[in-house]
């Protein structure tokens, strides 16, 4: 932990120069103690760190098959499942955006 924000900025600036004792890594790879300390910090922005969105192979499959000029056979059940996953993700995103808007509007 740093005593002042400027000290942290200085450490980050010199981290790439090989200063001993400074190890930078993503929060997802941090120890449990480090993560809990960051989460309780008043400067931590919760929206900046979150789970990655769900992915499907639908778009990649379409891009590759179109580039190769090949038509891939995907079962209708798999296709429907992927569409439903994307639809659910869009709904969750809309709900989250609406909740944030409602908070700012005071509803």
N, C-alpha and C. Protein backbone atom coordinates (compact mmCIF):
# COMPACT_ATOMS: atom_id res chain seq x y z
N UNK A 1 0.84 -1.18 0.00
CA UNK A 1 0.00 0.00 0.00
C UNK A 1 0.89 1.25 0.00
N UNK A 2 0.41 2.27 -0.66
CA UNK A 2 1.17 3.51 -0.77
C UNK A 2 0.55 4.57 0.14
N UNK A 3 1.39 5.44 0.65
CA UNK A 3 0.92 6.46 1.57
C UNK A 3 0.18 7.59 0.86
N UNK A 4 0.47 7.79 -0.43
CA UNK A 4 -0.16 8.87 -1.17
C UNK A 4 -0.37 8.44 -2.62
N UNK A 5 -1.37 9.00 -3.28
CA UNK A 5 -1.61 8.65 -4.68
C UNK A 5 -0.40 8.94 -5.58
N UNK A 6 0.34 9.99 -5.28
CA UNK A 6 1.51 10.32 -6.09
C UNK A 6 2.57 9.23 -5.98
N UNK A 7 2.72 8.65 -4.80
CA UNK A 7 3.69 7.57 -4.62
C UNK A 7 3.31 6.36 -5.46
N UNK A 8 2.02 6.08 -5.55
CA UNK A 8 1.54 4.96 -6.38
C UNK A 8 1.80 5.25 -7.85
N UNK A 9 1.53 6.48 -8.29
CA UNK A 9 1.79 6.83 -9.69
C UNK A 9 3.27 6.73 -10.03
N UNK A 10 4.12 7.17 -9.10
CA UNK A 10 5.57 7.07 -9.32
C UNK A 10 6.00 5.61 -9.43
N UNK A 11 5.43 4.75 -8.60
CA UNK A 11 5.78 3.33 -8.63
C UNK A 11 5.34 2.70 -9.95
N UNK A 12 4.16 3.06 -10.41
CA UNK A 12 3.69 2.54 -11.69
C UNK A 12 4.56 3.01 -12.84
N UNK A 13 5.01 4.25 -12.77
CA UNK A 13 5.84 4.79 -13.84
C UNK A 13 7.19 4.11 -13.89
N UNK A 14 7.72 3.70 -12.75
CA UNK A 14 9.03 3.08 -12.71
C UNK A 14 8.97 1.55 -12.75
N UNK A 15 7.78 0.97 -12.73
CA UNK A 15 7.65 -0.49 -12.70
C UNK A 15 8.24 -1.14 -13.93
N UNK A 16 8.13 -0.51 -15.07
CA UNK A 16 8.66 -1.07 -16.30
C UNK A 16 10.17 -0.94 -16.41
N UNK A 17 10.79 -0.18 -15.53
CA UNK A 17 12.23 0.03 -15.61
C UNK A 17 13.02 -0.98 -14.79
N UNK A 18 12.36 -1.98 -14.24
CA UNK A 18 13.06 -3.03 -13.52
C UNK A 18 13.30 -2.73 -12.05
N UNK A 19 12.47 -1.93 -11.42
CA UNK A 19 12.62 -1.63 -10.01
C UNK A 19 12.27 -2.89 -9.21
N UNK A 20 13.15 -3.29 -8.34
CA UNK A 20 12.93 -4.50 -7.54
C UNK A 20 11.80 -4.28 -6.54
N UNK A 21 11.03 -5.31 -6.33
CA UNK A 21 9.98 -5.25 -5.31
C UNK A 21 8.63 -4.83 -5.83
N UNK A 22 8.52 -4.44 -7.09
CA UNK A 22 7.23 -4.05 -7.64
C UNK A 22 6.80 -5.10 -8.65
N UNK A 23 5.67 -5.70 -8.38
CA UNK A 23 5.15 -6.74 -9.26
C UNK A 23 3.74 -6.33 -9.67
N UNK A 24 3.53 -6.11 -10.95
CA UNK A 24 2.22 -5.73 -11.45
C UNK A 24 1.57 -6.94 -12.11
N UNK A 25 0.31 -7.16 -11.79
CA UNK A 25 -0.44 -8.25 -12.41
C UNK A 25 -1.91 -7.89 -12.37
N UNK A 26 -2.71 -8.54 -13.21
CA UNK A 26 -4.14 -8.26 -13.21
C UNK A 26 -4.78 -8.63 -11.87
N UNK A 27 -5.84 -7.96 -11.54
CA UNK A 27 -6.54 -8.23 -10.29
C UNK A 27 -7.04 -9.67 -10.24
N UNK A 28 -7.38 -10.23 -11.39
CA UNK A 28 -7.87 -11.61 -11.41
C UNK A 28 -6.81 -12.60 -10.96
N UNK A 29 -5.52 -12.24 -11.04
CA UNK A 29 -4.44 -13.12 -10.63
C UNK A 29 -3.90 -12.77 -9.24
N UNK A 30 -4.50 -11.81 -8.59
CA UNK A 30 -4.03 -11.37 -7.28
C UNK A 30 -4.45 -12.36 -6.20
N UNK A 31 -3.77 -12.29 -5.07
CA UNK A 31 -4.13 -13.15 -3.95
C UNK A 31 -5.47 -12.71 -3.38
N UNK A 32 -6.06 -13.58 -2.60
CA UNK A 32 -7.36 -13.27 -1.99
C UNK A 32 -7.26 -12.05 -1.08
N UNK A 33 -6.18 -11.96 -0.33
CA UNK A 33 -5.99 -10.82 0.57
C UNK A 33 -5.88 -9.51 -0.23
N UNK A 34 -5.13 -9.55 -1.32
CA UNK A 34 -4.99 -8.34 -2.15
C UNK A 34 -6.32 -7.94 -2.76
N UNK A 35 -7.06 -8.94 -3.27
CA UNK A 35 -8.36 -8.63 -3.87
C UNK A 35 -9.31 -8.02 -2.86
N UNK A 36 -9.35 -8.57 -1.64
CA UNK A 36 -10.27 -8.03 -0.63
C UNK A 36 -9.86 -6.61 -0.23
N UNK A 37 -8.56 -6.35 -0.20
CA UNK A 37 -8.09 -5.00 0.13
C UNK A 37 -8.50 -4.00 -0.95
N UNK A 38 -8.38 -4.41 -2.21
CA UNK A 38 -8.76 -3.52 -3.31
C UNK A 38 -10.27 -3.29 -3.29
N UNK A 39 -11.04 -4.34 -3.05
CA UNK A 39 -12.50 -4.22 -3.07
C UNK A 39 -13.01 -3.29 -1.97
N UNK A 40 -12.30 -3.23 -0.85
CA UNK A 40 -12.74 -2.36 0.24
C UNK A 40 -12.19 -0.95 0.13
N UNK A 41 -11.32 -0.72 -0.84
CA UNK A 41 -10.74 0.60 -1.04
C UNK A 41 -11.80 1.57 -1.57
N UNK A 42 -11.84 2.80 -1.06
CA UNK A 42 -12.84 3.76 -1.55
C UNK A 42 -12.58 4.20 -2.99
N UNK A 43 -11.35 4.01 -3.47
CA UNK A 43 -11.02 4.42 -4.83
C UNK A 43 -11.37 3.36 -5.86
N UNK A 44 -11.75 2.19 -5.39
CA UNK A 44 -12.04 1.09 -6.31
C UNK A 44 -13.36 1.33 -7.02
N UNK A 45 -13.35 1.19 -8.32
CA UNK A 45 -14.57 1.35 -9.12
C UNK A 45 -15.05 -0.05 -9.47
N UNK A 46 -16.18 -0.44 -8.89
CA UNK A 46 -16.67 -1.80 -9.06
C UNK A 46 -17.02 -2.13 -10.50
N UNK A 47 -17.42 -1.13 -11.25
CA UNK A 47 -17.82 -1.41 -12.63
C UNK A 47 -16.63 -1.67 -13.55
N UNK A 48 -15.42 -1.31 -13.11
CA UNK A 48 -14.26 -1.52 -13.97
C UNK A 48 -13.80 -2.96 -13.99
N UNK A 49 -14.15 -3.71 -12.96
CA UNK A 49 -13.74 -5.11 -12.90
C UNK A 49 -14.99 -5.95 -12.75
N UNK A 50 -15.18 -6.83 -13.67
CA UNK A 50 -16.35 -7.69 -13.60
C UNK A 50 -16.14 -8.92 -14.44
N UNK A 51 -17.09 -9.81 -14.40
CA UNK A 51 -16.94 -11.02 -15.21
C UNK A 51 -17.03 -10.72 -16.69
N UNK A 52 -16.35 -11.51 -17.46
CA UNK A 52 -16.41 -11.34 -18.91
C UNK A 52 -17.77 -11.75 -19.41
N UNK A 53 -18.23 -11.14 -20.49
CA UNK A 53 -19.53 -11.53 -21.04
C UNK A 53 -19.49 -12.96 -21.59
N UNK A 54 -20.65 -13.59 -21.62
CA UNK A 54 -20.73 -14.94 -22.15
C UNK A 54 -20.44 -14.90 -23.65
N UNK A 55 -19.74 -15.91 -24.10
CA UNK A 55 -19.37 -15.99 -25.51
C UNK A 55 -20.04 -17.20 -26.14
N UNK A 56 -20.30 -17.11 -27.42
CA UNK A 56 -20.79 -18.25 -28.18
C UNK A 56 -19.93 -18.39 -29.42
N UNK A 57 -20.00 -19.55 -30.02
CA UNK A 57 -19.20 -19.81 -31.22
C UNK A 57 -19.94 -19.39 -32.49
N UNK A 58 -21.15 -18.89 -32.35
CA UNK A 58 -21.99 -18.59 -33.50
C UNK A 58 -21.33 -17.58 -34.44
N UNK A 59 -20.85 -16.49 -33.93
CA UNK A 59 -20.27 -15.44 -34.78
C UNK A 59 -18.97 -15.94 -35.41
N UNK A 60 -18.11 -16.57 -34.62
CA UNK A 60 -16.85 -17.09 -35.16
C UNK A 60 -17.11 -18.13 -36.24
N UNK A 61 -18.07 -18.99 -36.00
CA UNK A 61 -18.40 -20.03 -36.98
C UNK A 61 -18.88 -19.40 -38.29
N UNK A 62 -19.71 -18.38 -38.18
CA UNK A 62 -20.23 -17.70 -39.37
C UNK A 62 -19.11 -17.00 -40.14
N UNK A 63 -18.23 -16.29 -39.43
CA UNK A 63 -17.13 -15.59 -40.08
C UNK A 63 -16.19 -16.55 -40.81
N UNK A 64 -15.84 -17.63 -40.15
CA UNK A 64 -14.91 -18.59 -40.76
C UNK A 64 -15.55 -19.30 -41.94
N UNK A 65 -16.78 -19.73 -41.79
CA UNK A 65 -17.43 -20.45 -42.89
C UNK A 65 -17.63 -19.53 -44.10
N UNK A 66 -17.96 -18.27 -43.88
CA UNK A 66 -18.10 -17.33 -45.00
C UNK A 66 -16.76 -17.07 -45.68
N UNK A 67 -15.69 -16.96 -44.88
CA UNK A 67 -14.37 -16.71 -45.45
C UNK A 67 -13.90 -17.90 -46.28
N UNK A 68 -14.24 -19.11 -45.83
CA UNK A 68 -13.82 -20.31 -46.56
C UNK A 68 -14.79 -20.68 -47.67
N UNK A 69 -15.95 -20.05 -47.66
CA UNK A 69 -16.95 -20.37 -48.67
C UNK A 69 -17.60 -21.73 -48.45
N UNK A 70 -17.67 -22.14 -47.20
CA UNK A 70 -18.20 -23.45 -46.84
C UNK A 70 -19.45 -23.24 -45.98
N UNK A 71 -20.41 -24.10 -46.18
CA UNK A 71 -21.60 -24.04 -45.34
C UNK A 71 -21.49 -25.12 -44.27
N UNK A 72 -21.44 -24.70 -43.02
CA UNK A 72 -21.30 -25.64 -41.91
C UNK A 72 -22.67 -26.13 -41.45
N UNK A 73 -22.70 -27.37 -41.04
CA UNK A 73 -23.95 -27.93 -40.53
C UNK A 73 -23.94 -27.86 -39.02
N UNK A 74 -24.83 -27.05 -38.49
CA UNK A 74 -24.99 -26.91 -37.05
C UNK A 74 -26.42 -27.28 -36.74
N UNK A 75 -26.61 -28.10 -35.73
CA UNK A 75 -27.96 -28.54 -35.42
C UNK A 75 -28.81 -27.34 -35.00
N UNK A 76 -30.08 -27.43 -35.30
CA UNK A 76 -30.99 -26.32 -34.97
C UNK A 76 -31.08 -26.13 -33.46
N UNK A 77 -30.91 -27.20 -32.70
CA UNK A 77 -30.95 -27.07 -31.24
C UNK A 77 -29.76 -26.25 -30.73
N UNK A 78 -28.57 -26.53 -31.29
CA UNK A 78 -27.38 -25.76 -30.88
C UNK A 78 -27.53 -24.30 -31.27
N UNK A 79 -28.02 -24.06 -32.47
CA UNK A 79 -28.21 -22.69 -32.95
C UNK A 79 -29.21 -21.96 -32.06
N UNK A 80 -30.31 -22.62 -31.72
CA UNK A 80 -31.33 -22.00 -30.87
C UNK A 80 -30.77 -21.72 -29.47
N UNK A 81 -29.97 -22.66 -28.95
CA UNK A 81 -29.38 -22.47 -27.63
C UNK A 81 -28.45 -21.26 -27.62
N UNK A 82 -27.63 -21.10 -28.68
CA UNK A 82 -26.73 -19.95 -28.77
C UNK A 82 -27.50 -18.65 -28.90
N UNK A 83 -28.56 -18.66 -29.70
CA UNK A 83 -29.38 -17.45 -29.83
C UNK A 83 -30.02 -17.07 -28.50
N UNK A 84 -30.48 -18.08 -27.76
CA UNK A 84 -31.10 -17.81 -26.46
C UNK A 84 -30.07 -17.25 -25.48
N UNK A 85 -28.85 -17.77 -25.51
CA UNK A 85 -27.80 -17.26 -24.65
C UNK A 85 -27.52 -15.79 -24.94
N UNK A 86 -27.42 -15.44 -26.23
CA UNK A 86 -27.19 -14.05 -26.60
C UNK A 86 -28.37 -13.16 -26.22
N UNK A 87 -29.58 -13.67 -26.39
CA UNK A 87 -30.78 -12.91 -26.03
C UNK A 87 -30.80 -12.64 -24.53
N UNK A 88 -30.49 -13.66 -23.73
CA UNK A 88 -30.47 -13.49 -22.27
C UNK A 88 -29.41 -12.47 -21.85
N UNK A 89 -28.25 -12.52 -22.50
CA UNK A 89 -27.18 -11.57 -22.18
C UNK A 89 -27.61 -10.14 -22.50
N UNK A 90 -28.29 -9.96 -23.65
CA UNK A 90 -28.77 -8.62 -24.01
C UNK A 90 -29.80 -8.12 -22.99
N UNK A 91 -30.68 -9.01 -22.54
CA UNK A 91 -31.69 -8.64 -21.55
C UNK A 91 -31.02 -8.21 -20.24
N UNK A 92 -30.03 -8.98 -19.79
CA UNK A 92 -29.33 -8.62 -18.55
C UNK A 92 -28.65 -7.26 -18.70
N UNK A 93 -28.05 -7.01 -19.87
CA UNK A 93 -27.37 -5.74 -20.10
C UNK A 93 -28.38 -4.59 -20.07
N UNK A 94 -29.53 -4.78 -20.72
CA UNK A 94 -30.58 -3.74 -20.69
C UNK A 94 -31.08 -3.48 -19.28
N UNK A 95 -31.29 -4.56 -18.52
CA UNK A 95 -31.77 -4.41 -17.14
C UNK A 95 -30.77 -3.66 -16.29
N UNK A 96 -29.49 -3.98 -16.45
CA UNK A 96 -28.45 -3.29 -15.69
C UNK A 96 -28.41 -1.81 -16.05
N UNK A 97 -28.49 -1.50 -17.34
CA UNK A 97 -28.48 -0.10 -17.77
C UNK A 97 -29.69 0.65 -17.24
N UNK A 98 -30.84 -0.02 -17.24
CA UNK A 98 -32.06 0.61 -16.74
C UNK A 98 -31.96 0.87 -15.24
N UNK A 99 -31.40 -0.08 -14.49
CA UNK A 99 -31.23 0.12 -13.04
C UNK A 99 -30.30 1.29 -12.77
N UNK A 100 -29.21 1.39 -13.55
CA UNK A 100 -28.30 2.52 -13.34
C UNK A 100 -28.98 3.84 -13.66
N UNK A 101 -29.78 3.86 -14.73
CA UNK A 101 -30.49 5.09 -15.09
C UNK A 101 -31.51 5.46 -14.02
N UNK A 102 -32.19 4.46 -13.49
CA UNK A 102 -33.19 4.71 -12.44
C UNK A 102 -32.54 5.25 -11.18
N UNK A 103 -31.35 4.77 -10.87
CA UNK A 103 -30.64 5.27 -9.69
C UNK A 103 -30.33 6.75 -9.85
N UNK A 104 -29.85 7.14 -11.05
CA UNK A 104 -29.50 8.53 -11.28
C UNK A 104 -30.73 9.42 -11.33
N UNK A 105 -31.86 8.88 -11.78
CA UNK A 105 -33.09 9.68 -11.85
C UNK A 105 -33.82 9.69 -10.53
N UNK A 106 -33.40 8.85 -9.58
CA UNK A 106 -34.01 8.84 -8.26
C UNK A 106 -35.32 8.10 -8.19
N UNK A 107 -35.53 7.13 -9.06
CA UNK A 107 -36.79 6.37 -9.04
C UNK A 107 -36.67 5.13 -8.20
